[in-house]
Amino acid sequence: MTPLRPRYARIDKIIDELLTDHAVKDAPVPIDKMIKAKGVTIRKIDLKDISGMIVRDGDSVLIGVNSTQAENRQRFTLAHEFGHFLLHEGQPVHYDKSFRMDLRSSLSSTGTDTEEVEANYFGSSILMPRKFLERDVADRFIDIEDADAVADLAKRYKVSLQAMNIRLLNVFGQAS
């Protein structure tokens, strides 16, 4: 059953448990190891115009990631599909041609695609945990218009510049 609205508190709790269980205290988060520890197979292949997919067959689960996309994009796709795995039980097949990370998009705000909003939130939150970002920017002012500062953070977290910009906006607002 699709939730009526995003369950951010539940997702935050799941992420905190995963980070604790895997003793992850710093970026970059080893998303592939977390996924494999849950018994999920990862396959990187050319999926043409599809970013990622999750296939469930009984107890077997496979996350497919488009191998032609940039490594940072593949990491986000893995995290996004892992979110679907943990949050949206019962769908035998799910795939994403493209997905947006902007949690404040017009589509997201209408609540018409709650599962995608949740998977995007999960993906960005696990790859760029709030507590890690708060710690990493505590001793300095980060202006999202300072491309070098944002690029340094993106490199540290192994995410795209766009993903880091969006996450910083969602966590801190205009600047921190």
Protein backbone atom coordinates (compact mmCIF):
# COMPACT_ATOMS: atom_id res chain seq x y z
CA MET A 1 0.00 0.00 0.00
CA THR A 2 1.37 3.40 -0.97
CA PRO A 3 1.64 5.80 1.97
CA LEU A 4 -0.45 8.95 1.72
CA ARG A 5 2.41 11.23 2.71
CA PRO A 6 6.17 10.83 3.04
CA ARG A 7 7.29 9.16 6.27
CA TYR A 8 10.41 11.25 6.94
CA ALA A 9 10.73 10.35 10.64
CA ARG A 10 10.55 6.62 9.84
CA ILE A 11 13.16 7.03 7.10
CA ASP A 12 15.47 8.99 9.41
CA LYS A 13 15.19 6.20 12.00
CA ILE A 14 16.02 3.50 9.43
CA ILE A 15 19.04 5.50 8.26
CA ASP A 16 20.31 6.04 11.82
CA GLU A 17 20.01 2.28 12.45
CA LEU A 18 21.87 1.42 9.24
CA LEU A 19 24.69 3.86 10.00
CA THR A 20 24.98 2.49 13.54
CA ASP A 21 24.77 -1.17 12.49
CA HIS A 22 27.52 -0.65 9.90
CA ALA A 23 29.63 1.59 12.20
CA VAL A 24 29.63 4.38 9.61
CA LYS A 25 30.87 7.55 11.23
CA ASP A 26 32.12 9.49 8.24
CA ALA A 27 31.59 10.08 4.54
CA PRO A 28 31.52 8.49 2.07
CA VAL A 29 28.83 6.06 3.15
CA PRO A 30 29.51 2.52 1.80
CA ILE A 31 26.06 2.12 0.28
CA ASP A 32 26.99 -0.96 -1.75
CA LYS A 33 28.14 -2.83 1.37
CA MET A 34 24.95 -1.92 3.21
CA ILE A 35 22.84 -3.21 0.34
CA LYS A 36 24.78 -6.46 0.02
CA ALA A 37 24.55 -7.00 3.80
CA LYS A 38 20.76 -7.14 3.36
CA GLY A 39 21.18 -9.98 0.86
CA VAL A 40 20.43 -7.83 -2.17
CA THR A 41 22.38 -8.46 -5.39
CA ILE A 42 23.72 -5.44 -7.28
CA ARG A 43 24.17 -5.62 -11.02
CA LYS A 44 25.65 -2.78 -13.06
CA ILE A 45 24.61 -3.02 -16.71
CA ASP A 46 23.65 -0.76 -19.60
CA LEU A 47 19.98 -0.02 -18.92
CA LYS A 48 19.67 2.49 -21.80
CA ASP A 49 17.34 5.27 -20.57
CA ILE A 50 16.64 3.68 -17.17
CA SER A 51 18.69 4.84 -14.17
CA GLY A 52 17.90 1.91 -11.94
CA MET A 53 15.49 -0.84 -11.11
CA ILE A 54 14.63 -3.27 -8.37
CA VAL A 55 13.39 -6.77 -9.11
CA ARG A 56 11.95 -9.03 -6.43
CA ASP A 57 11.50 -12.73 -7.10
CA GLY A 58 10.48 -14.52 -3.94
CA ASP A 59 13.30 -14.09 -1.46
CA SER A 60 15.71 -12.94 -4.17
CA VAL A 61 16.16 -9.21 -4.75
CA LEU A 62 18.24 -7.54 -7.45
CA ILE A 63 19.04 -3.86 -7.84
CA GLY A 64 20.10 -2.97 -11.35
CA VAL A 65 22.07 0.22 -11.97
CA ASN A 66 22.86 1.84 -15.30
CA SER A 67 26.60 1.29 -15.78
CA THR A 68 26.83 4.03 -18.41
CA GLN A 69 26.05 6.78 -15.90
CA ALA A 70 28.64 8.61 -13.79
CA GLU A 71 29.84 6.79 -10.66
CA ASN A 72 28.28 9.40 -8.35
CA ARG A 73 24.96 9.02 -10.17
CA GLN A 74 25.20 5.24 -9.77
CA ARG A 75 25.73 5.69 -6.02
CA PHE A 76 22.58 7.78 -5.79
CA THR A 77 20.64 5.29 -7.89
CA LEU A 78 21.77 2.48 -5.56
CA ALA A 79 20.67 4.47 -2.53
CA HIS A 80 17.35 5.40 -4.16
CA GLU A 81 16.54 1.80 -5.11
CA PHE A 82 17.67 0.61 -1.65
CA GLY A 83 15.09 3.04 -0.29
CA HIS A 84 12.42 1.35 -2.40
CA PHE A 85 13.61 -2.05 -1.10
CA LEU A 86 13.38 -1.03 2.55
CA LEU A 87 10.29 1.16 2.36
CA HIS A 88 8.00 -0.21 -0.32
CA GLU A 89 7.43 -3.89 0.17
CA GLY A 90 5.30 -5.92 -2.14
CA GLN A 91 6.16 -4.48 -5.53
CA PRO A 92 7.59 -7.28 -7.64
CA VAL A 93 9.25 -4.90 -10.14
CA HIS A 94 10.09 -1.21 -9.93
CA TYR A 95 12.21 0.83 -12.29
CA ASP A 96 13.12 4.48 -12.67
CA LYS A 97 13.79 6.14 -16.01
CA SER A 98 14.76 9.27 -14.18
CA PHE A 99 14.07 10.68 -10.79
CA ARG A 100 14.44 14.05 -9.22
CA MET A 101 16.06 14.80 -5.91
CA ASP A 102 14.33 18.10 -5.36
CA LEU A 103 12.02 17.32 -2.47
CA ARG A 104 10.22 20.59 -3.00
CA SER A 105 9.28 20.05 -6.64
CA SER A 106 5.73 20.67 -7.79
CA LEU A 107 5.21 16.92 -8.24
CA SER A 108 6.53 16.15 -4.76
CA SER A 109 4.48 18.83 -3.09
CA THR A 110 1.26 17.46 -4.58
CA GLY A 111 1.93 14.12 -2.90
CA THR A 112 1.03 12.26 -6.08
CA ASP A 113 4.18 10.14 -6.08
CA THR A 114 4.93 9.57 -2.42
CA GLU A 115 7.09 6.50 -3.01
CA GLU A 116 9.46 8.46 -5.26
CA VAL A 117 9.62 11.30 -2.75
CA GLU A 118 10.48 8.80 -0.02
CA ALA A 119 13.10 7.01 -2.13
CA ASN A 120 14.72 10.33 -3.06
CA TYR A 121 14.72 11.45 0.56
CA PHE A 122 16.18 8.12 1.64
CA GLY A 123 18.88 8.26 -1.07
CA SER A 124 20.02 11.76 -0.27
CA SER A 125 19.77 11.29 3.49
CA ILE A 126 21.79 8.08 3.61
CA LEU A 127 24.53 9.32 1.27
CA MET A 128 24.68 12.74 2.95
CA PRO A 129 23.49 12.19 6.53
CA ARG A 130 22.34 15.36 8.26
CA LYS A 131 24.55 14.73 11.29
CA PHE A 132 27.62 14.30 9.07
CA LEU A 133 26.89 17.51 7.16
CA GLU A 134 26.22 19.45 10.36
CA ARG A 135 29.56 18.29 11.73
CA ASP A 136 31.43 18.97 8.49
CA VAL A 137 30.16 22.53 8.17
CA ALA A 138 30.13 23.40 11.89
CA ASP A 139 33.46 25.19 11.78
CA ARG A 140 32.93 27.07 8.53
CA PHE A 141 30.35 29.03 6.61
CA ILE A 142 29.22 27.24 3.46
CA ASP A 143 27.62 29.38 0.80
CA ILE A 144 25.87 27.26 -1.82
CA GLU A 145 27.02 29.78 -4.39
CA ASP A 146 30.65 28.98 -3.47
CA ALA A 147 31.19 26.30 -6.09
CA ASP A 148 34.58 25.27 -4.68
CA ALA A 149 33.25 24.68 -1.16
CA VAL A 150 30.27 22.70 -2.41
CA ALA A 151 32.50 20.74 -4.81
CA ASP A 152 34.80 19.82 -1.90
CA LEU A 153 31.85 18.46 0.06
CA ALA A 154 30.47 16.62 -2.99
CA LYS A 155 33.86 14.97 -3.55
CA ARG A 156 34.12 13.97 0.12
CA TYR A 157 30.64 12.38 0.05
CA LYS A 158 31.07 10.91 -3.47
CA VAL A 159 27.92 12.55 -4.78
CA SER A 160 27.27 14.91 -7.66
CA LEU A 161 27.56 18.65 -7.26
CA GLN A 162 23.83 18.91 -7.98
CA ALA A 163 22.98 16.35 -5.29
CA MET A 164 25.11 18.19 -2.72
CA ASN A 165 23.55 21.55 -3.60
CA ILE A 166 20.05 20.17 -3.21
CA ARG A 167 20.88 18.43 0.06
CA LEU A 168 22.50 21.55 1.52
CA LEU A 169 19.41 23.56 0.59
CA ASN A 170 17.11 20.96 2.14
CA VAL A 171 19.14 20.69 5.34
CA PHE A 172 20.30 24.26 5.89
CA GLY A 173 18.21 26.51 3.66
CA GLN A 174 20.02 29.17 1.63
CA ALA A 175 23.38 28.83 3.38
CA SER A 176 24.91 27.43 6.50
